[in-house]
């Protein structure tokens, strides 16, 4: 069962910043994540994902940045809309072509 608690971007940024600033005071980054997660009320795994994404956004870790991910989603949405538009135009073209053929052969 998932919790549906949504944290604001400000809380996420602050939590990530706290982990990155205080990871040297702990034995590992995971220990720092566990400490901060308990204080802000999220799970350690959730905070770990936020930290990993922040590291990707900063270029410290390989992978897709948030901007790249948003750009891909926007392009996929645009492709979906264009395919729908093409389908509508194809059907309209077929309809009008058939209507033109019917008109030509009627006396």
PDB file of N, CA and C in Angstrom:
ATOM      1  N   UNK A   1       0.846  -1.174   0.000  1.00  0.00           N
ATOM      2  CA  UNK A   1       0.000   0.000   0.000  1.00  0.00           C
ATOM      3  C   UNK A   1       0.890   1.234   0.000  1.00  0.00           C
ATOM      4  N   UNK A   2       0.569   2.193  -0.876  1.00  0.00           N
ATOM      5  CA  UNK A   2       1.375   3.397  -1.001  1.00  0.00           C
ATOM      6  C   UNK A   2       0.742   4.537  -0.230  1.00  0.00           C
ATOM      7  N   UNK A   3       1.594   5.335   0.350  1.00  0.00           N
ATOM      8  CA  UNK A   3       1.120   6.577   0.932  1.00  0.00           C
ATOM      9  C   UNK A   3       1.011   7.587  -0.192  1.00  0.00           C
ATOM     10  N   UNK A   4       0.047   8.451  -0.138  1.00  0.00           N
ATOM     11  CA  UNK A   4      -0.113   9.437  -1.195  1.00  0.00           C
ATOM     12  C   UNK A   4       0.310  10.829  -0.731  1.00  0.00           C
ATOM     13  N   UNK A   5       1.186  10.885   0.266  1.00  0.00           N
ATOM     14  CA  UNK A   5       1.668  12.164   0.751  1.00  0.00           C
ATOM     15  C   UNK A   5       2.516  12.805  -0.333  1.00  0.00           C
ATOM     16  N   UNK A   6       2.179  14.010  -0.685  1.00  0.00           N
ATOM     17  CA  UNK A   6       2.904  14.739  -1.721  1.00  0.00           C
ATOM     18  C   UNK A   6       3.688  15.842  -1.030  1.00  0.00           C
ATOM     19  N   UNK A   7       4.973  15.869  -1.282  1.00  0.00           N
ATOM     20  CA  UNK A   7       5.825  16.890  -0.689  1.00  0.00           C
ATOM     21  C   UNK A   7       6.034  18.006  -1.701  1.00  0.00           C
ATOM     22  N   UNK A   8       6.048  19.217  -1.211  1.00  0.00           N
ATOM     23  CA  UNK A   8       6.254  20.357  -2.105  1.00  0.00           C
ATOM     24  C   UNK A   8       7.684  20.340  -2.639  1.00  0.00           C
ATOM     25  N   UNK A   9       7.902  20.968  -3.789  1.00  0.00           N
ATOM     26  CA  UNK A   9       9.265  21.034  -4.337  1.00  0.00           C
ATOM     27  C   UNK A   9      10.246  21.703  -3.370  1.00  0.00           C
ATOM     28  N   UNK A  10       9.766  22.658  -2.593  1.00  0.00           N
ATOM     29  CA  UNK A  10      10.639  23.333  -1.629  1.00  0.00           C
ATOM     30  C   UNK A  10      11.125  22.366  -0.559  1.00  0.00           C
ATOM     31  N   UNK A  11      10.214  21.522  -0.072  1.00  0.00           N
ATOM     32  CA  UNK A  11      10.580  20.531   0.945  1.00  0.00           C
ATOM     33  C   UNK A  11      11.555  19.522   0.350  1.00  0.00           C
ATOM     34  N   UNK A  12      11.300  19.094  -0.880  1.00  0.00           N
ATOM     35  CA  UNK A  12      12.196  18.145  -1.540  1.00  0.00           C
ATOM     36  C   UNK A  12      13.599  18.743  -1.701  1.00  0.00           C
ATOM     37  N   UNK A  13      13.667  19.986  -2.182  1.00  0.00           N
ATOM     38  CA  UNK A  13      14.972  20.642  -2.372  1.00  0.00           C
ATOM     39  C   UNK A  13      15.715  20.797  -1.048  1.00  0.00           C
ATOM     40  N   UNK A  14      14.987  21.175  -0.008  1.00  0.00           N
ATOM     41  CA  UNK A  14      15.619  21.358   1.301  1.00  0.00           C
ATOM     42  C   UNK A  14      16.144  20.030   1.845  1.00  0.00           C
ATOM     43  N   UNK A  15      15.353  18.972   1.678  1.00  0.00           N
ATOM     44  CA  UNK A  15      15.775  17.659   2.169  1.00  0.00           C
ATOM     45  C   UNK A  15      17.018  17.183   1.421  1.00  0.00           C
ATOM     46  N   UNK A  16      17.048  17.355   0.114  1.00  0.00           N
ATOM     47  CA  UNK A  16      18.211  16.957  -0.684  1.00  0.00           C
ATOM     48  C   UNK A  16      19.429  17.770  -0.268  1.00  0.00           C
ATOM     49  N   UNK A  17      19.229  19.066  -0.096  1.00  0.00           N
ATOM     50  CA  UNK A  17      20.339  19.930   0.320  1.00  0.00           C
ATOM     51  C   UNK A  17      20.887  19.496   1.680  1.00  0.00           C
ATOM     52  N   UNK A  18      19.989  19.147   2.622  1.00  0.00           N
ATOM     53  CA  UNK A  18      20.431  18.687   3.937  1.00  0.00           C
ATOM     54  C   UNK A  18      21.248  17.403   3.828  1.00  0.00           C
ATOM     55  N   UNK A  19      20.796  16.484   2.978  1.00  0.00           N
ATOM     56  CA  UNK A  19      21.544  15.227   2.810  1.00  0.00           C
ATOM     57  C   UNK A  19      22.925  15.519   2.243  1.00  0.00           C
ATOM     58  N   UNK A  20      22.989  16.321   1.196  1.00  0.00           N
ATOM     59  CA  UNK A  20      24.263  16.596   0.550  1.00  0.00           C
ATOM     60  C   UNK A  20      25.215  17.371   1.465  1.00  0.00           C
ATOM     61  N   UNK A  21      24.672  18.261   2.276  1.00  0.00           N
ATOM     62  CA  UNK A  21      25.511  19.052   3.192  1.00  0.00           C
ATOM     63  C   UNK A  21      26.003  18.226   4.376  1.00  0.00           C
ATOM     64  N   UNK A  22      25.197  17.278   4.845  1.00  0.00           N
ATOM     65  CA  UNK A  22      25.525  16.563   6.079  1.00  0.00           C
ATOM     66  C   UNK A  22      25.961  15.121   5.873  1.00  0.00           C
ATOM     67  N   UNK A  23      26.169  14.700   4.637  1.00  0.00           N
ATOM     68  CA  UNK A  23      26.560  13.305   4.426  1.00  0.00           C
ATOM     69  C   UNK A  23      27.962  13.024   4.964  1.00  0.00           C
ATOM     70  N   UNK A  24      28.808  14.041   5.083  1.00  0.00           N
ATOM     71  CA  UNK A  24      30.151  13.837   5.633  1.00  0.00           C
ATOM     72  C   UNK A  24      30.121  13.582   7.141  1.00  0.00           C
ATOM     73  N   UNK A  25      29.045  14.007   7.803  1.00  0.00           N
ATOM     74  CA  UNK A  25      28.918  13.814   9.250  1.00  0.00           C
ATOM     75  C   UNK A  25      28.431  12.397   9.587  1.00  0.00           C
ATOM     76  N   UNK A  26      27.989  11.658   8.582  1.00  0.00           N
ATOM     77  CA  UNK A  26      27.473  10.308   8.784  1.00  0.00           C
ATOM     78  C   UNK A  26      28.427   9.308   8.148  1.00  0.00           C
ATOM     79  N   UNK A  27      28.238   8.051   8.467  1.00  0.00           N
ATOM     80  CA  UNK A  27      29.105   7.012   7.939  1.00  0.00           C
ATOM     81  C   UNK A  27      28.957   6.808   6.439  1.00  0.00           C
ATOM     82  N   UNK A  28      27.783   7.115   5.915  1.00  0.00           N
ATOM     83  CA  UNK A  28      27.527   6.953   4.486  1.00  0.00           C
ATOM     84  C   UNK A  28      26.408   7.904   4.078  1.00  0.00           C
ATOM     85  N   UNK A  29      26.217   8.008   2.773  1.00  0.00           N
ATOM     86  CA  UNK A  29      25.121   8.848   2.291  1.00  0.00           C
ATOM     87  C   UNK A  29      23.786   8.251   2.719  1.00  0.00           C
ATOM     88  N   UNK A  30      23.700   6.927   2.731  1.00  0.00           N
ATOM     89  CA  UNK A  30      22.464   6.272   3.150  1.00  0.00           C
ATOM     90  C   UNK A  30      22.113   6.603   4.598  1.00  0.00           C
ATOM     91  N   UNK A  31      23.106   6.679   5.464  1.00  0.00           N
ATOM     92  CA  UNK A  31      22.864   7.044   6.863  1.00  0.00           C
ATOM     93  C   UNK A  31      22.343   8.480   6.946  1.00  0.00           C
ATOM     94  N   UNK A  32      22.909   9.361   6.140  1.00  0.00           N
ATOM     95  CA  UNK A  32      22.431  10.752   6.119  1.00  0.00           C
ATOM     96  C   UNK A  32      21.004  10.808   5.589  1.00  0.00           C
ATOM     97  N   UNK A  33      20.708  10.019   4.582  1.00  0.00           N
ATOM     98  CA  UNK A  33      19.352   9.978   4.023  1.00  0.00           C
ATOM     99  C   UNK A  33      18.369   9.489   5.081  1.00  0.00           C
ATOM    100  N   UNK A  34      18.735   8.435   5.786  1.00  0.00           N
ATOM    101  CA  UNK A  34      17.858   7.918   6.843  1.00  0.00           C
ATOM    102  C   UNK A  34      17.596   8.935   7.926  1.00  0.00           C
ATOM    103  N   UNK A  35      18.619   9.677   8.300  1.00  0.00           N
ATOM    104  CA  UNK A  35      18.486  10.694   9.335  1.00  0.00           C
ATOM    105  C   UNK A  35      17.551  11.823   8.897  1.00  0.00           C
ATOM    106  N   UNK A  36      17.778  12.332   7.697  1.00  0.00           N
ATOM    107  CA  UNK A  36      16.964  13.447   7.197  1.00  0.00           C
ATOM    108  C   UNK A  36      15.537  12.987   6.907  1.00  0.00           C
ATOM    109  N   UNK A  37      15.377  11.790   6.343  1.00  0.00           N
ATOM    110  CA  UNK A  37      14.039  11.282   6.022  1.00  0.00           C
ATOM    111  C   UNK A  37      13.177  11.193   7.276  1.00  0.00           C
ATOM    112  N   UNK A  38      13.763  10.736   8.373  1.00  0.00           N
ATOM    113  CA  UNK A  38      13.007  10.661   9.622  1.00  0.00           C
ATOM    114  C   UNK A  38      12.564  12.026  10.113  1.00  0.00           C
ATOM    115  N   UNK A  39      13.355  13.034   9.852  1.00  0.00           N
ATOM    116  CA  UNK A  39      13.021  14.389  10.321  1.00  0.00           C
ATOM    117  C   UNK A  39      11.944  15.055   9.476  1.00  0.00           C
ATOM    118  N   UNK A  40      11.912  14.767   8.160  1.00  0.00           N
ATOM    119  CA  UNK A  40      10.897  15.429   7.326  1.00  0.00           C
ATOM    120  C   UNK A  40       9.642  14.590   7.144  1.00  0.00           C
ATOM    121  N   UNK A  41       9.687  13.315   7.548  1.00  0.00           N
ATOM    122  CA  UNK A  41       8.487  12.486   7.501  1.00  0.00           C
ATOM    123  C   UNK A  41       8.256  11.753   6.190  1.00  0.00           C
ATOM    124  N   UNK A  42       9.321  11.485   5.444  1.00  0.00           N
ATOM    125  CA  UNK A  42       9.176  10.670   4.236  1.00  0.00           C
ATOM    126  C   UNK A  42       9.992   9.399   4.420  1.00  0.00           C
ATOM    127  N   UNK A  43       9.842   8.470   3.493  1.00  0.00           N
ATOM    128  CA  UNK A  43      10.616   7.244   3.600  1.00  0.00           C
ATOM    129  C   UNK A  43      12.038   7.485   3.096  1.00  0.00           C
ATOM    130  N   UNK A  44      12.954   6.666   3.545  1.00  0.00           N
ATOM    131  CA  UNK A  44      14.347   6.786   3.112  1.00  0.00           C
ATOM    132  C   UNK A  44      14.468   6.559   1.613  1.00  0.00           C
ATOM    133  N   UNK A  45      13.692   5.636   1.086  1.00  0.00           N
ATOM    134  CA  UNK A  45      13.745   5.348  -0.347  1.00  0.00           C
ATOM    135  C   UNK A  45      13.281   6.541  -1.184  1.00  0.00           C
ATOM    136  N   UNK A  46      12.247   7.209  -0.723  1.00  0.00           N
ATOM    137  CA  UNK A  46      11.765   8.398  -1.424  1.00  0.00           C
ATOM    138  C   UNK A  46      12.846   9.466  -1.464  1.00  0.00           C
ATOM    139  N   UNK A  47      13.458   9.715  -0.328  1.00  0.00           N
ATOM    140  CA  UNK A  47      14.521  10.722  -0.266  1.00  0.00           C
ATOM    141  C   UNK A  47      15.731  10.289  -1.089  1.00  0.00           C
ATOM    142  N   UNK A  48      16.034   9.000  -1.098  1.00  0.00           N
ATOM    143  CA  UNK A  48      17.149   8.516  -1.903  1.00  0.00           C
ATOM    144  C   UNK A  48      16.910   8.811  -3.388  1.00  0.00           C
ATOM    145  N   UNK A  49      15.665   8.588  -3.858  1.00  0.00           N
ATOM    146  CA  UNK A  49      15.335   8.876  -5.262  1.00  0.00           C
ATOM    147  C   UNK A  49      15.476  10.371  -5.557  1.00  0.00           C
ATOM    148  N   UNK A  50      15.054  11.222  -4.610  1.00  0.00           N
ATOM    149  CA  UNK A  50      15.213  12.668  -4.804  1.00  0.00           C
ATOM    150  C   UNK A  50      16.689  13.041  -4.906  1.00  0.00           C
ATOM    151  N   UNK A  51      17.506  12.447  -4.036  1.00  0.00           N
ATOM    152  CA  UNK A  51      18.940  12.748  -4.027  1.00  0.00           C
ATOM    153  C   UNK A  51      19.579  12.286  -5.337  1.00  0.00           C
ATOM    154  N   UNK A  52      19.238  11.082  -5.783  1.00  0.00           N
ATOM    155  CA  UNK A  52      19.810  10.562  -7.039  1.00  0.00           C
ATOM    156  C   UNK A  52      19.430  11.458  -8.211  1.00  0.00           C
ATOM    157  N   UNK A  53      18.170  11.907  -8.252  1.00  0.00           N
ATOM    158  CA  UNK A  53      17.733  12.785  -9.346  1.00  0.00           C
ATOM    159  C   UNK A  53      18.458  14.124  -9.281  1.00  0.00           C
ATOM    160  N   UNK A  54      18.649  14.655  -8.089  1.00  0.00           N
ATOM    161  CA  UNK A  54      19.384  15.915  -7.944  1.00  0.00           C
ATOM    162  C   UNK A  54      20.827  15.744  -8.409  1.00  0.00           C
ATOM    163  N   UNK A  55      21.425  14.603  -8.106  1.00  0.00           N
ATOM    164  CA  UNK A  55      22.797  14.343  -8.557  1.00  0.00           C
ATOM    165  C   UNK A  55      22.856  14.241 -10.085  1.00  0.00           C
ATOM    166  N   UNK A  56      21.831  13.630 -10.702  1.00  0.00           N
ATOM    167  CA  UNK A  56      21.790  13.573 -12.166  1.00  0.00           C
ATOM    168  C   UNK A  56      21.627  14.971 -12.745  1.00  0.00           C
ATOM    169  N   UNK A  57      20.758  15.778 -12.130  1.00  0.00           N
ATOM    170  CA  UNK A  57      20.534  17.143 -12.614  1.00  0.00           C
ATOM    171  C   UNK A  57      21.802  17.993 -12.511  1.00  0.00           C
ATOM    172  N   UNK A  58      22.629  17.726 -11.509  1.00  0.00           N
ATOM    173  CA  UNK A  58      23.868  18.477 -11.311  1.00  0.00           C
ATOM    174  C   UNK A  58      25.026  17.907 -12.122  1.00  0.00           C
ATOM    175  N   UNK A  59      24.807  16.797 -12.805  1.00  0.00           N
ATOM    176  CA  UNK A  59      25.862  16.194 -13.616  1.00  0.00           C
ATOM    177  C   UNK A  59      26.821  15.318 -12.831  1.00  0.00           C
ATOM    178  N   UNK A  60      26.503  15.029 -11.589  1.00  0.00           N
ATOM    179  CA  UNK A  60      27.373  14.191 -10.751  1.00  0.00           C
ATOM    180  C   UNK A  60      27.128  12.701 -10.978  1.00  0.00           C
ATOM    181  N   UNK A  61      26.027  12.378 -11.637  1.00  0.00           N
ATOM    182  CA  UNK A  61      25.643  10.975 -11.833  1.00  0.00           C
ATOM    183  C   UNK A  61      25.084  10.848 -13.252  1.00  0.00           C
ATOM    184  N   UNK A  62      25.417   9.756 -13.945  1.00  0.00           N
ATOM    185  CA  UNK A  62      24.885   9.599 -15.309  1.00  0.00           C
ATOM    186  C   UNK A  62      23.388   9.317 -15.286  1.00  0.00           C
ATOM    187  N   UNK A  63      22.726   9.704 -16.347  1.00  0.00           N
ATOM    188  CA  UNK A  63      21.294   9.450 -16.460  1.00  0.00           C
ATOM    189  C   UNK A  63      20.567  10.662 -16.986  1.00  0.00           C
ATOM    190  N   UNK A  64      19.259  10.509 -17.134  1.00  0.00           N
ATOM    191  CA  UNK A  64      18.434  11.578 -17.670  1.00  0.00           C
ATOM    192  C   UNK A  64      18.152  12.638 -16.618  1.00  0.00           C
ATOM    193  N   UNK A  65      18.366  13.890 -16.992  1.00  0.00           N
ATOM    194  CA  UNK A  65      18.049  14.979 -16.075  1.00  0.00           C
ATOM    195  C   UNK A  65      16.543  15.227 -16.089  1.00  0.00           C
ATOM    196  N   UNK A  66      16.083  16.011 -15.149  1.00  0.00           N
ATOM    197  CA  UNK A  66      14.671  16.345 -15.065  1.00  0.00           C
ATOM    198  C   UNK A  66      14.223  17.082 -16.321  1.00  0.00           C
ATOM    199  N   UNK A  67      15.048  18.017 -16.809  1.00  0.00           N
ATOM    200  CA  UNK A  67      14.701  18.762 -18.015  1.00  0.00           C
ATOM    201  C   UNK A  67      14.581  17.839 -19.221  1.00  0.00           C
ATOM    202  N   UNK A  68      15.510  16.900 -19.354  1.00  0.00           N
ATOM    203  CA  UNK A  68      15.453  15.954 -20.464  1.00  0.00           C
ATOM    204  C   UNK A  68      14.194  15.093 -20.377  1.00  0.00           C
ATOM    205  N   UNK A  69      13.869  14.664 -19.163  1.00  0.00           N
ATOM    206  CA  UNK A  69      12.684  13.832 -18.958  1.00  0.00           C
ATOM    207  C   UNK A  69      11.419  14.603 -19.335  1.00  0.00           C
ATOM    208  N   UNK A  70      11.331  15.862 -18.924  1.00  0.00           N
ATOM    209  CA  UNK A  70      10.166  16.687 -19.258  1.00  0.00           C
ATOM    210  C   UNK A  70      10.083  16.931 -20.754  1.00  0.00           C
ATOM    211  N   UNK A  71      11.226  17.144 -21.400  1.00  0.00           N
ATOM    212  CA  UNK A  71      11.256  17.368 -22.845  1.00  0.00           C
ATOM    213  C   UNK A  71      10.768  16.130 -23.589  1.00  0.00           C
ATOM    214  N   UNK A  72      11.200  14.960 -23.160  1.00  0.00           N
ATOM    215  CA  UNK A  72      10.757  13.715 -23.791  1.00  0.00           C
ATOM    216  C   UNK A  72       9.254  13.527 -23.609  1.00  0.00           C
ATOM    217  N   UNK A  73       8.754  13.810 -22.426  1.00  0.00           N
ATOM    218  CA  UNK A  73       7.312  13.687 -22.183  1.00  0.00           C
ATOM    219  C   UNK A  73       6.526  14.637 -23.071  1.00  0.00           C
ATOM    220  N   UNK A  74       7.026  15.877 -23.232  1.00  0.00           N
ATOM    221  CA  UNK A  74       6.347  16.851 -24.090  1.00  0.00           C
ATOM    222  C   UNK A  74       6.362  16.375 -25.547  1.00  0.00           C
ATOM    223  N   UNK A  75       7.488  15.839 -26.001  1.00  0.00           N
ATOM    224  CA  UNK A  75       7.577  15.347 -27.374  1.00  0.00           C
ATOM    225  C   UNK A  75       6.671  14.141 -27.594  1.00  0.00           C
ATOM    226  N   UNK A  76       6.605  13.241 -26.616  1.00  0.00           N
ATOM    227  CA  UNK A  76       5.707  12.097 -26.733  1.00  0.00           C
ATOM    228  C   UNK A  76       4.245  12.545 -26.802  1.00  0.00           C
ATOM    229  N   UNK A  77       3.890  13.556 -26.004  1.00  0.00           N
ATOM    230  CA  UNK A  77       2.537  14.096 -26.029  1.00  0.00           C
ATOM    231  C   UNK A  77       2.244  14.697 -27.409  1.00  0.00           C
ATOM    232  N   UNK A  78       3.217  15.440 -27.948  1.00  0.00           N
ATOM    233  CA  UNK A  78       3.048  16.058 -29.263  1.00  0.00           C
ATOM    234  C   UNK A  78       2.891  14.994 -30.354  1.00  0.00           C
ATOM    235  N   UNK A  79       3.672  13.935 -30.294  1.00  0.00           N
ATOM    236  CA  UNK A  79       3.573  12.845 -31.262  1.00  0.00           C
ATOM    237  C   UNK A  79       2.185  12.214 -31.195  1.00  0.00           C
ATOM    238  N   UNK A  80       1.694  11.974 -29.974  1.00  0.00           N
ATOM    239  CA  UNK A  80       0.356  11.404 -29.802  1.00  0.00           C
ATOM    240  C   UNK A  80      -0.705  12.297 -30.449  1.00  0.00           C
ATOM    241  N   UNK A  81      -0.621  13.615 -30.194  1.00  0.00           N
ATOM    242  CA  UNK A  81      -1.593  14.551 -30.756  1.00  0.00           C
ATOM    243  C   UNK A  81      -1.498  14.589 -32.280  1.00  0.00           C
ATOM    244  N   UNK A  82      -0.282  14.568 -32.829  1.00  0.00           N
ATOM    245  CA  UNK A  82      -0.109  14.588 -34.281  1.00  0.00           C
ATOM    246  C   UNK A  82      -0.643  13.316 -34.920  1.00  0.00           C
ATOM    247  N   UNK A  83      -0.447  12.193 -34.278  1.00  0.00           N
ATOM    248  CA  UNK A  83      -0.998  10.942 -34.807  1.00  0.00           C
ATOM    249  C   UNK A  83      -2.514  10.975 -34.822  1.00  0.00           C
ATOM    250  N   UNK A  84      -3.124  11.521 -33.768  1.00  0.00           N
ATOM    251  CA  UNK A  84      -4.577  11.649 -33.732  1.00  0.00           C
ATOM    252  C   UNK A  84      -5.059  12.571 -34.844  1.00  0.00           C
ATOM    253  N   UNK A  85      -4.360  13.684 -35.030  1.00  0.00           N
ATOM    254  CA  UNK A  85      -4.721  14.633 -36.075  1.00  0.00           C
ATOM    255  C   UNK A  85      -4.600  13.984 -37.450  1.00  0.00           C
ATOM    256  N   UNK A  86      -3.514  13.253 -37.682  1.00  0.00           N
ATOM    257  CA  UNK A  86      -3.327  12.564 -38.961  1.00  0.00           C
ATOM    258  C   UNK A  86      -4.435  11.546 -39.202  1.00  0.00           C
ATOM    259  N   UNK A  87      -4.836  10.846 -38.166  1.00  0.00           N
ATOM    260  CA  UNK A  87      -5.905   9.859 -38.303  1.00  0.00           C
ATOM    261  C   UNK A  87      -7.217  10.546 -38.688  1.00  0.00           C
ATOM    262  N   UNK A  88      -7.512  11.665 -38.054  1.00  0.00           N
ATOM    263  CA  UNK A  88      -8.727  12.425 -38.382  1.00  0.00           C
ATOM    264  C   UNK A  88      -8.666  12.910 -39.824  1.00  0.00           C
ATOM    265  N   UNK A  89      -7.522  13.455 -40.232  1.00  0.00           N
ATOM    266  CA  UNK A  89      -7.375  13.948 -41.599  1.00  0.00           C
ATOM    267  C   UNK A  89      -7.478  12.803 -42.621  1.00  0.00           C
ATOM    268  N   UNK A  90      -6.907  11.644 -42.306  1.00  0.00           N
ATOM    269  CA  UNK A  90      -6.981  10.503 -43.200  1.00  0.00           C
ATOM    270  C   UNK A  90      -8.432  10.068 -43.394  1.00  0.00           C
ATOM    271  N   UNK A  91      -9.180  10.010 -42.296  1.00  0.00           N
ATOM    272  CA  UNK A  91     -10.587   9.612 -42.392  1.00  0.00           C
ATOM    273  C   UNK A  91     -11.412  10.652 -43.147  1.00  0.00           C
ATOM    274  N   UNK A  92     -11.150  11.929 -42.893  1.00  0.00           N
ATOM    275  CA  UNK A  92     -11.873  12.988 -43.592  1.00  0.00           C
ATOM    276  C   UNK A  92     -11.558  12.945 -45.087  1.00  0.00           C
ATOM    277  N   UNK A  93     -10.303  12.719 -45.424  1.00  0.00           N
ATOM    278  CA  UNK A  93      -9.897  12.631 -46.824  1.00  0.00           C
ATOM    279  C   UNK A  93     -10.599  11.471 -47.516  1.00  0.00           C
ATOM    280  N   UNK A  94     -10.651  10.332 -46.873  1.00  0.00           N
ATOM    281  CA  UNK A  94     -11.329   9.169 -47.443  1.00  0.00           C
ATOM    282  C   UNK A  94     -12.822   9.448 -47.611  1.00  0.00           C
ATOM    283  N   UNK A  95     -13.431  10.101 -46.651  1.00  0.00           N
ATOM    284  CA  UNK A  95     -14.856  10.428 -46.719  1.00  0.00           C
ATOM    285  C   UNK A  95     -15.136  11.347 -47.905  1.00  0.00           C
ATOM    286  N   UNK A  96     -14.350  12.416 -48.046  1.00  0.00           N
ATOM    287  CA  UNK A  96     -14.588  13.361 -49.128  1.00  0.00           C
ATOM    288  C   UNK A  96     -14.233  12.770 -50.491  1.00  0.00           C
ATOM    289  N   UNK A  97     -13.230  11.905 -50.537  1.00  0.00           N
ATOM    290  CA  UNK A  97     -12.899  11.238 -51.804  1.00  0.00           C
ATOM    291  C   UNK A  97     -14.053  10.344 -52.233  1.00  0.00           C
ATOM    292  N   UNK A  98     -14.634   9.626 -51.287  1.00  0.00           N
ATOM    293  CA  UNK A  98     -15.778   8.764 -51.600  1.00  0.00           C
ATOM    294  C   UNK A  98     -16.962   9.611 -52.043  1.00  0.00           C
ATOM    295  N   UNK A  99     -17.198  10.724 -51.390  1.00  0.00           N
ATOM    296  CA  UNK A  99     -18.298  11.610 -51.763  1.00  0.00           C
ATOM    297  C   UNK A  99     -18.089  12.152 -53.183  1.00  0.00           C
ATOM    298  N   UNK A 100     -16.868  12.470 -53.545  1.00  0.00           N
ATOM    299  CA  UNK A 100     -16.564  12.962 -54.875  1.00  0.00           C
ATOM    300  C   UNK A 100     -16.809  11.869 -55.924  1.00  0.00           C
ATOM    301  N   UNK A 101     -16.404  10.640 -55.605  1.00  0.00           N
ATOM    302  CA  UNK A 101     -16.650   9.534 -56.532  1.00  0.00           C
ATOM    303  C   UNK A 101     -18.146   9.289 -56.714  1.00  0.00           C
ATOM    304  N   UNK A 102     -18.900   9.340 -55.637  1.00  0.00           N
ATOM    305  CA  UNK A 102     -20.356   9.137 -55.702  1.00  0.00           C
ATOM    306  C   UNK A 102     -20.997  10.225 -56.540  1.00  0.00           C
ATOM    307  N   UNK A 103     -20.548  11.450 -56.436  1.00  0.00           N
ATOM    308  CA  UNK A 103     -21.118  12.585 -57.160  1.00  0.00           C
ATOM    309  C   UNK A 103     -20.849  12.458 -58.658  1.00  0.00           C
ATOM    310  N   UNK A 104     -19.700  11.968 -59.030  1.00  0.00           N
ATOM    311  CA  UNK A 104     -19.317  11.868 -60.446  1.00  0.00           C
ATOM    312  C   UNK A 104     -20.171  10.832 -61.192  1.00  0.00           C
ATOM    313  N   UNK A 105     -20.528   9.747 -60.535  1.00  0.00           N
ATOM    314  CA  UNK A 105     -21.252   8.693 -61.243  1.00  0.00           C
ATOM    315  C   UNK A 105     -22.754   8.809 -61.165  1.00  0.00           C
ATOM    316  N   UNK A 106     -23.265   9.798 -60.474  1.00  0.00           N
ATOM    317  CA  UNK A 106     -24.723   9.994 -60.440  1.00  0.00           C
ATOM    318  C   UNK A 106     -25.119  10.917 -61.582  1.00  0.00           C
ATOM    319  N   UNK A 107     -26.226  10.588 -62.276  1.00  0.00           N
ATOM    320  CA  UNK A 107     -26.643  11.432 -63.400  1.00  0.00           C
ATOM    321  C   UNK A 107     -27.194  12.762 -62.983  1.00  0.00           C
TER     322      UNK A 107
END
